Amino acid sequence: MGKIFKIEIWERNKLDSVEAIAYLVKNGKNNMSAYQERLTETEIKIVSGYVLESAKNDWHSEGIGR
């Protein structure tokens, strides 16, 4: 997995909470599309929680990034 997915990078950019990641998922940023119109609030929270926990686990618990 690229360096952008490391938790240290997320922490440095104040993206180390479900709420902060949910904001990005809803509104997008740079090349990332916004998903506010495509996902429910519950789905956004689930995705955001998954992203945060996966980053904390260095994306290895699901075999991602190997």
Protein backbone atom coordinates (compact mmCIF):
# COMPACT_ATOMS: atom_id res chain seq x y z
CA MET A 1 0.00 0.00 0.00
CA GLY A 2 1.32 3.44 -0.80
CA LYS A 3 2.54 5.86 1.82
CA ILE A 4 -0.73 7.84 1.70
CA PHE A 5 -2.49 4.94 3.46
CA LYS A 6 -0.20 4.86 6.51
CA ILE A 7 -1.83 5.97 9.77
CA GLU A 8 1.02 8.38 10.49
CA ILE A 9 0.12 10.37 7.37
CA TRP A 10 -3.57 10.39 8.36
CA GLU A 11 -2.68 11.58 11.89
CA ARG A 12 -0.40 14.31 10.58
CA ASN A 13 -3.26 15.58 8.39
CA LYS A 14 -5.82 15.39 11.23
CA LEU A 15 -7.66 12.51 9.54
CA ASP A 16 -7.40 10.12 12.47
CA SER A 17 -11.08 9.97 13.38
CA VAL A 18 -14.16 8.42 11.81
CA GLU A 19 -15.71 11.89 11.60
CA ALA A 20 -12.78 13.38 9.68
CA ILE A 21 -12.69 10.47 7.23
CA ALA A 22 -16.48 10.60 6.85
CA TYR A 23 -16.16 14.25 5.83
CA LEU A 24 -13.77 13.23 3.03
CA VAL A 25 -16.04 10.39 1.94
CA LYS A 26 -19.03 12.74 1.80
CA ASN A 27 -17.33 15.70 0.12
CA GLY A 28 -14.33 14.27 -1.69
CA LYS A 29 -10.97 15.98 -2.07
CA ASN A 30 -8.61 16.46 -4.99
CA ASN A 31 -8.99 13.33 -7.16
CA MET A 32 -11.31 11.54 -4.73
CA SER A 33 -14.98 11.70 -5.67
CA ALA A 34 -17.68 12.74 -3.22
CA TYR A 35 -20.06 9.96 -2.14
CA GLN A 36 -22.66 11.93 -0.17
CA GLU A 37 -25.24 11.40 -2.92
CA ARG A 38 -24.39 7.72 -3.41
CA LEU A 39 -24.07 6.36 0.14
CA THR A 40 -26.33 6.58 3.17
CA GLU A 41 -25.06 8.15 6.40
CA THR A 42 -24.76 4.65 7.87
CA GLU A 43 -22.74 3.39 4.88
CA ILE A 44 -20.43 6.40 5.13
CA LYS A 45 -19.78 5.67 8.81
CA ILE A 46 -19.11 1.99 8.05
CA VAL A 47 -16.67 2.83 5.25
CA SER A 48 -14.95 5.49 7.36
CA GLY A 49 -14.56 3.12 10.31
CA TYR A 50 -13.16 0.43 8.05
CA VAL A 51 -10.64 2.82 6.52
CA LEU A 52 -9.48 4.09 9.92
CA GLU A 53 -9.14 0.63 11.47
CA SER A 54 -7.39 -0.73 8.39
CA ALA A 55 -4.91 2.14 8.43
CA LYS A 56 -4.24 1.52 12.13
CA ASN A 57 -3.57 -2.16 11.31
CA ASP A 58 -1.29 -1.17 8.44
CA TRP A 59 -3.87 -2.70 6.02
CA HIS A 60 -2.73 -6.24 6.89
CA SER A 61 -5.69 -7.76 8.71
CA GLU A 62 -7.57 -8.35 5.45
CA GLY A 63 -4.49 -9.10 3.38
CA ILE A 64 -4.58 -5.65 1.80
CA GLY A 65 -1.26 -4.21 0.80
CA ARG A 66 0.67 -7.46 0.86
